[in-house]
Amino acid sequence: MIKSKDIAAVNYKKAWQQNSHISKEDFASIPEDERAEVLYDLASFFIFNDENKSDEEKFAAFSAPLKIVYSIMSFEADVNCDGLNGYFIGSHGFMAFDVLKSLNIIGSREASAILQDALKVINPEGKSESELKQAIIEEDIDELYDDSNMVEQLNDLDSKFYAMNENLSELLKAYVLQNVEEA
């Protein structure tokens, strides 16, 4: 049985596919507590349905609010599923510095500190942001696969992440309500 929420989601995706944009009126019609999730779904739709560009190119084309929502929700889901090691090895790891900036924008203190520590763990040589990002994209951080000390440090940070008092979903919802009028 198709619910009205499902129909609305299809309409938002159709609007996004045709215009890469949801009007202010349509965005306002989305229930406030679902807006961040709709933005994430739309960004995912865009990422998965454009095979002519790399994920990095597609992500770079997102508006600032869409980058914030997509990067944080992807980060949180990946870490909850596969830990920080899995995040850096996986397809979203290239966004780590965007996630760090986004976490600071939405007012995250705990997750931001954990990610900052994780970036230090995977970057013992002190590569620049662009060099480390490229190494993540090219999967050129062998230690993520075979350095038990690095993996152990990331696992310790995973434990801190899972024990956070901070609710990233609530911070993100508040950010979207205060800063996004249309997508």
C-alpha atoms as a PDB file:
ATOM      1  CA  MET A   1       0.000   0.000   0.000  1.00  0.00           C
ATOM      2  CA  ILE A   2       1.433   3.365  -1.007  1.00  0.00           C
ATOM      3  CA  LYS A   3       1.279   6.011   1.696  1.00  0.00           C
ATOM      4  CA  SER A   4       1.053   9.754   1.124  1.00  0.00           C
ATOM      5  CA  LYS A   5       4.588  10.098   2.517  1.00  0.00           C
ATOM      6  CA  ASP A   6       5.820   7.730  -0.234  1.00  0.00           C
ATOM      7  CA  ILE A   7       4.061   9.767  -2.915  1.00  0.00           C
ATOM      8  CA  ALA A   8       5.581  12.962  -1.540  1.00  0.00           C
ATOM      9  CA  ALA A   9       9.046  11.377  -1.602  1.00  0.00           C
ATOM     10  CA  VAL A  10       8.566  10.391  -5.244  1.00  0.00           C
ATOM     11  CA  ASN A  11       7.470  13.952  -6.072  1.00  0.00           C
ATOM     12  CA  TYR A  12      10.526  15.404  -4.332  1.00  0.00           C
ATOM     13  CA  LYS A  13      12.792  13.010  -6.219  1.00  0.00           C
ATOM     14  CA  LYS A  14      11.066  13.887  -9.475  1.00  0.00           C
ATOM     15  CA  ALA A  15      11.500  17.594  -8.770  1.00  0.00           C
ATOM     16  CA  TRP A  16      15.147  17.009  -7.938  1.00  0.00           C
ATOM     17  CA  GLN A  17      15.722  14.902 -11.056  1.00  0.00           C
ATOM     18  CA  GLN A  18      14.137  17.484 -13.340  1.00  0.00           C
ATOM     19  CA  ASN A  19      15.464  20.655 -11.738  1.00  0.00           C
ATOM     20  CA  SER A  20      18.092  19.694  -9.142  1.00  0.00           C
ATOM     21  CA  HIS A  21      15.986  21.913  -6.912  1.00  0.00           C
ATOM     22  CA  ILE A  22      12.968  21.801  -4.617  1.00  0.00           C
ATOM     23  CA  SER A  23      11.041  25.040  -4.437  1.00  0.00           C
ATOM     24  CA  LYS A  24      10.693  26.985  -1.210  1.00  0.00           C
ATOM     25  CA  GLU A  25       6.993  26.086  -1.108  1.00  0.00           C
ATOM     26  CA  ASP A  26       7.583  22.371  -1.653  1.00  0.00           C
ATOM     27  CA  PHE A  27      10.374  22.304   0.919  1.00  0.00           C
ATOM     28  CA  ALA A  28       8.140  24.091   3.421  1.00  0.00           C
ATOM     29  CA  SER A  29       5.513  21.386   2.911  1.00  0.00           C
ATOM     30  CA  ILE A  30       7.891  18.703   4.173  1.00  0.00           C
ATOM     31  CA  PRO A  31       7.328  18.044   7.877  1.00  0.00           C
ATOM     32  CA  GLU A  32      10.086  19.825   9.807  1.00  0.00           C
ATOM     33  CA  ASP A  33      11.389  16.679  11.475  1.00  0.00           C
ATOM     34  CA  GLU A  34      11.786  14.963   8.062  1.00  0.00           C
ATOM     35  CA  ARG A  35      13.557  17.726   6.123  1.00  0.00           C
ATOM     36  CA  ALA A  36      17.123  16.602   6.832  1.00  0.00           C
ATOM     37  CA  GLU A  37      16.247  13.044   5.833  1.00  0.00           C
ATOM     38  CA  VAL A  38      14.615  14.222   2.595  1.00  0.00           C
ATOM     39  CA  LEU A  39      17.736  16.248   1.760  1.00  0.00           C
ATOM     40  CA  TYR A  40      19.884  13.182   2.420  1.00  0.00           C
ATOM     41  CA  ASP A  41      17.644  11.028   0.231  1.00  0.00           C
ATOM     42  CA  LEU A  42      17.791  13.569  -2.576  1.00  0.00           C
ATOM     43  CA  ALA A  43      21.568  13.833  -2.370  1.00  0.00           C
ATOM     44  CA  SER A  44      21.824  10.041  -2.417  1.00  0.00           C
ATOM     45  CA  PHE A  45      19.521   9.937  -5.417  1.00  0.00           C
ATOM     46  CA  PHE A  46      21.771  12.405  -7.226  1.00  0.00           C
ATOM     47  CA  ILE A  47      24.952  10.506  -6.277  1.00  0.00           C
ATOM     48  CA  PHE A  48      23.612   7.128  -7.392  1.00  0.00           C
ATOM     49  CA  ASN A  49      21.870   8.247 -10.586  1.00  0.00           C
ATOM     50  CA  ASP A  50      24.630  10.204 -12.322  1.00  0.00           C
ATOM     51  CA  GLU A  51      27.194   7.804 -13.716  1.00  0.00           C
ATOM     52  CA  ASN A  52      28.991  10.435 -15.787  1.00  0.00           C
ATOM     53  CA  LYS A  53      30.820  12.008 -12.842  1.00  0.00           C
ATOM     54  CA  SER A  54      32.783  10.747  -9.868  1.00  0.00           C
ATOM     55  CA  ASP A  55      31.223  10.895  -6.423  1.00  0.00           C
ATOM     56  CA  GLU A  56      33.706  13.653  -5.572  1.00  0.00           C
ATOM     57  CA  GLU A  57      32.543  15.752  -8.549  1.00  0.00           C
ATOM     58  CA  LYS A  58      28.882  15.226  -7.706  1.00  0.00           C
ATOM     59  CA  PHE A  59      29.461  16.076  -4.052  1.00  0.00           C
ATOM     60  CA  ALA A  60      31.391  19.223  -5.001  1.00  0.00           C
ATOM     61  CA  ALA A  61      28.364  20.434  -6.974  1.00  0.00           C
ATOM     62  CA  PHE A  62      26.033  20.266  -3.955  1.00  0.00           C
ATOM     63  CA  SER A  63      24.872  23.431  -2.218  1.00  0.00           C
ATOM     64  CA  ALA A  64      26.424  24.097   1.186  1.00  0.00           C
ATOM     65  CA  PRO A  65      23.365  22.854   3.147  1.00  0.00           C
ATOM     66  CA  LEU A  66      23.157  19.709   1.034  1.00  0.00           C
ATOM     67  CA  LYS A  67      26.869  19.013   1.599  1.00  0.00           C
ATOM     68  CA  ILE A  68      26.393  19.424   5.329  1.00  0.00           C
ATOM     69  CA  VAL A  69      23.410  17.095   5.524  1.00  0.00           C
ATOM     70  CA  TYR A  70      24.783  14.446   3.175  1.00  0.00           C
ATOM     71  CA  SER A  71      28.298  14.369   4.616  1.00  0.00           C
ATOM     72  CA  ILE A  72      27.182  14.160   8.255  1.00  0.00           C
ATOM     73  CA  MET A  73      24.458  11.581   7.700  1.00  0.00           C
ATOM     74  CA  SER A  74      26.799   9.440   5.577  1.00  0.00           C
ATOM     75  CA  PHE A  75      29.535   9.735   8.208  1.00  0.00           C
ATOM     76  CA  GLU A  76      27.239   8.781  11.062  1.00  0.00           C
ATOM     77  CA  ALA A  77      25.758   5.821   9.167  1.00  0.00           C
ATOM     78  CA  ASP A  78      29.169   4.536   8.047  1.00  0.00           C
ATOM     79  CA  VAL A  79      30.742   4.804  11.494  1.00  0.00           C
ATOM     80  CA  ASN A  80      27.732   3.145  13.117  1.00  0.00           C
ATOM     81  CA  CYS A  81      27.958   0.324  10.587  1.00  0.00           C
ATOM     82  CA  ASP A  82      31.696  -0.191  10.009  1.00  0.00           C
ATOM     83  CA  GLY A  83      33.528   2.083  12.433  1.00  0.00           C
ATOM     84  CA  LEU A  84      35.980   4.832  11.551  1.00  0.00           C
ATOM     85  CA  ASN A  85      38.321   2.422   9.812  1.00  0.00           C
ATOM     86  CA  GLY A  86      35.467   1.326   7.557  1.00  0.00           C
ATOM     87  CA  TYR A  87      34.502   4.957   6.972  1.00  0.00           C
ATOM     88  CA  PHE A  88      37.948   5.880   5.687  1.00  0.00           C
ATOM     89  CA  ILE A  89      38.185   2.739   3.548  1.00  0.00           C
ATOM     90  CA  GLY A  90      34.646   3.141   2.201  1.00  0.00           C
ATOM     91  CA  SER A  91      33.219   5.357  -0.497  1.00  0.00           C
ATOM     92  CA  HIS A  92      32.513   8.367   1.759  1.00  0.00           C
ATOM     93  CA  GLY A  93      35.928   8.760   3.373  1.00  0.00           C
ATOM     94  CA  PHE A  94      36.927  11.451   0.877  1.00  0.00           C
ATOM     95  CA  MET A  95      34.425  13.766   2.598  1.00  0.00           C
ATOM     96  CA  ALA A  96      36.154  13.586   5.996  1.00  0.00           C
ATOM     97  CA  PHE A  97      37.328  17.207   5.961  1.00  0.00           C
ATOM     98  CA  ASP A  98      33.909  18.379   4.763  1.00  0.00           C
ATOM     99  CA  VAL A  99      32.346  16.372   7.583  1.00  0.00           C
ATOM    100  CA  LEU A 100      34.662  18.025  10.088  1.00  0.00           C
ATOM    101  CA  LYS A 101      33.683  21.495   8.855  1.00  0.00           C
ATOM    102  CA  SER A 102      30.009  20.498   8.773  1.00  0.00           C
ATOM    103  CA  LEU A 103      30.096  19.127  12.308  1.00  0.00           C
ATOM    104  CA  ASN A 104      31.495  22.429  13.514  1.00  0.00           C
ATOM    105  CA  ILE A 105      28.810  24.357  11.623  1.00  0.00           C
ATOM    106  CA  ILE A 106      25.969  22.422  13.269  1.00  0.00           C
ATOM    107  CA  GLY A 107      27.530  22.828  16.707  1.00  0.00           C
ATOM    108  CA  SER A 108      28.926  19.341  17.268  1.00  0.00           C
ATOM    109  CA  ARG A 109      31.702  19.181  19.809  1.00  0.00           C
ATOM    110  CA  GLU A 110      32.068  15.474  20.575  1.00  0.00           C
ATOM    111  CA  ALA A 111      31.820  14.030  17.060  1.00  0.00           C
ATOM    112  CA  SER A 112      34.005  16.814  15.729  1.00  0.00           C
ATOM    113  CA  ALA A 113      36.739  16.064  18.283  1.00  0.00           C
ATOM    114  CA  ILE A 114      36.529  12.326  17.543  1.00  0.00           C
ATOM    115  CA  LEU A 115      36.837  12.848  13.787  1.00  0.00           C
ATOM    116  CA  GLN A 116      39.692  15.287  14.295  1.00  0.00           C
ATOM    117  CA  ASP A 117      41.502  12.672  16.394  1.00  0.00           C
ATOM    118  CA  ALA A 118      40.797   9.994  13.765  1.00  0.00           C
ATOM    119  CA  LEU A 119      42.297  12.186  11.038  1.00  0.00           C
ATOM    120  CA  LYS A 120      45.442  12.534  13.152  1.00  0.00           C
ATOM    121  CA  VAL A 121      45.588   8.754  13.593  1.00  0.00           C
ATOM    122  CA  ILE A 122      45.413   8.034   9.853  1.00  0.00           C
ATOM    123  CA  ASN A 123      47.814  10.860   9.020  1.00  0.00           C
ATOM    124  CA  PRO A 124      50.954  10.243  11.098  1.00  0.00           C
ATOM    125  CA  GLU A 125      53.136  11.792   8.374  1.00  0.00           C
ATOM    126  CA  GLY A 126      51.274  15.111   8.579  1.00  0.00           C
ATOM    127  CA  LYS A 127      50.090  15.248   4.969  1.00  0.00           C
ATOM    128  CA  SER A 128      48.195  18.351   3.913  1.00  0.00           C
ATOM    129  CA  GLU A 129      44.405  18.197   3.719  1.00  0.00           C
ATOM    130  CA  SER A 130      44.492  17.831  -0.073  1.00  0.00           C
ATOM    131  CA  GLU A 131      47.208  15.156   0.068  1.00  0.00           C
ATOM    132  CA  LEU A 132      45.351  13.137   2.684  1.00  0.00           C
ATOM    133  CA  LYS A 133      42.069  13.485   0.802  1.00  0.00           C
ATOM    134  CA  GLN A 134      43.753  12.217  -2.359  1.00  0.00           C
ATOM    135  CA  ALA A 135      45.318   9.317  -0.439  1.00  0.00           C
ATOM    136  CA  ILE A 136      41.866   8.357   0.867  1.00  0.00           C
ATOM    137  CA  ILE A 137      40.339   8.577  -2.631  1.00  0.00           C
ATOM    138  CA  GLU A 138      43.140   6.460  -4.094  1.00  0.00           C
ATOM    139  CA  GLU A 139      42.972   4.022  -1.150  1.00  0.00           C
ATOM    140  CA  ASP A 140      46.638   4.774  -0.562  1.00  0.00           C
ATOM    141  CA  ILE A 141      46.693   4.437   3.219  1.00  0.00           C
ATOM    142  CA  ASP A 142      47.905   0.876   3.573  1.00  0.00           C
ATOM    143  CA  GLU A 143      47.984   1.176   7.350  1.00  0.00           C
ATOM    144  CA  LEU A 144      44.181   1.192   7.408  1.00  0.00           C
ATOM    145  CA  TYR A 145      44.374  -2.405   6.239  1.00  0.00           C
ATOM    146  CA  ASP A 146      47.355  -3.780   8.098  1.00  0.00           C
ATOM    147  CA  ASP A 147      48.573  -1.552  10.947  1.00  0.00           C
ATOM    148  CA  SER A 148      47.106  -3.095  14.094  1.00  0.00           C
ATOM    149  CA  ASN A 149      48.102  -0.057  16.171  1.00  0.00           C
ATOM    150  CA  MET A 150      46.212   2.311  13.832  1.00  0.00           C
ATOM    151  CA  VAL A 151      43.189   0.020  13.754  1.00  0.00           C
ATOM    152  CA  GLU A 152      43.234  -0.231  17.557  1.00  0.00           C
ATOM    153  CA  GLN A 153      43.364   3.559  17.915  1.00  0.00           C
ATOM    154  CA  LEU A 154      40.438   3.924  15.504  1.00  0.00           C
ATOM    155  CA  ASN A 155      38.515   1.250  17.428  1.00  0.00           C
ATOM    156  CA  ASP A 156      39.049   3.233  20.641  1.00  0.00           C
ATOM    157  CA  LEU A 157      37.648   6.315  18.890  1.00  0.00           C
ATOM    158  CA  ASP A 158      34.702   4.204  17.683  1.00  0.00           C
ATOM    159  CA  SER A 159      33.905   3.433  21.324  1.00  0.00           C
ATOM    160  CA  LYS A 160      33.938   7.142  22.131  1.00  0.00           C
ATOM    161  CA  PHE A 161      31.688   7.826  19.124  1.00  0.00           C
ATOM    162  CA  TYR A 162      29.156   5.187  20.201  1.00  0.00           C
ATOM    163  CA  ALA A 163      29.142   6.574  23.768  1.00  0.00           C
ATOM    164  CA  MET A 164      28.645  10.224  22.745  1.00  0.00           C
ATOM    165  CA  ASN A 165      26.054  12.263  24.585  1.00  0.00           C
ATOM    166  CA  GLU A 166      25.605  14.334  21.458  1.00  0.00           C
ATOM    167  CA  ASN A 167      22.717  13.608  19.103  1.00  0.00           C
ATOM    168  CA  LEU A 168      23.872  14.392  15.569  1.00  0.00           C
ATOM    169  CA  SER A 169      20.389  13.887  14.134  1.00  0.00           C
ATOM    170  CA  GLU A 170      18.943  16.540  16.439  1.00  0.00           C
ATOM    171  CA  LEU A 171      21.798  18.967  15.734  1.00  0.00           C
ATOM    172  CA  LEU A 172      21.306  18.430  12.017  1.00  0.00           C
ATOM    173  CA  LYS A 173      17.529  18.909  12.215  1.00  0.00           C
ATOM    174  CA  ALA A 174      18.052  22.168  14.101  1.00  0.00           C
ATOM    175  CA  TYR A 175      20.571  23.334  11.511  1.00  0.00           C
ATOM    176  CA  VAL A 176      18.177  22.574   8.628  1.00  0.00           C
ATOM    177  CA  LEU A 177      15.262  24.332  10.344  1.00  0.00           C
ATOM    178  CA  GLN A 178      17.323  27.445  10.983  1.00  0.00           C
ATOM    179  CA  ASN A 179      19.304  27.619   7.746  1.00  0.00           C
ATOM    180  CA  VAL A 180      17.549  25.915   4.855  1.00  0.00           C
ATOM    181  CA  GLU A 181      14.479  27.364   3.169  1.00  0.00           C
ATOM    182  CA  GLU A 182      14.744  25.509  -0.117  1.00  0.00           C
ATOM    183  CA  ALA A 183      16.866  22.728  -1.477  1.00  0.00           C
END
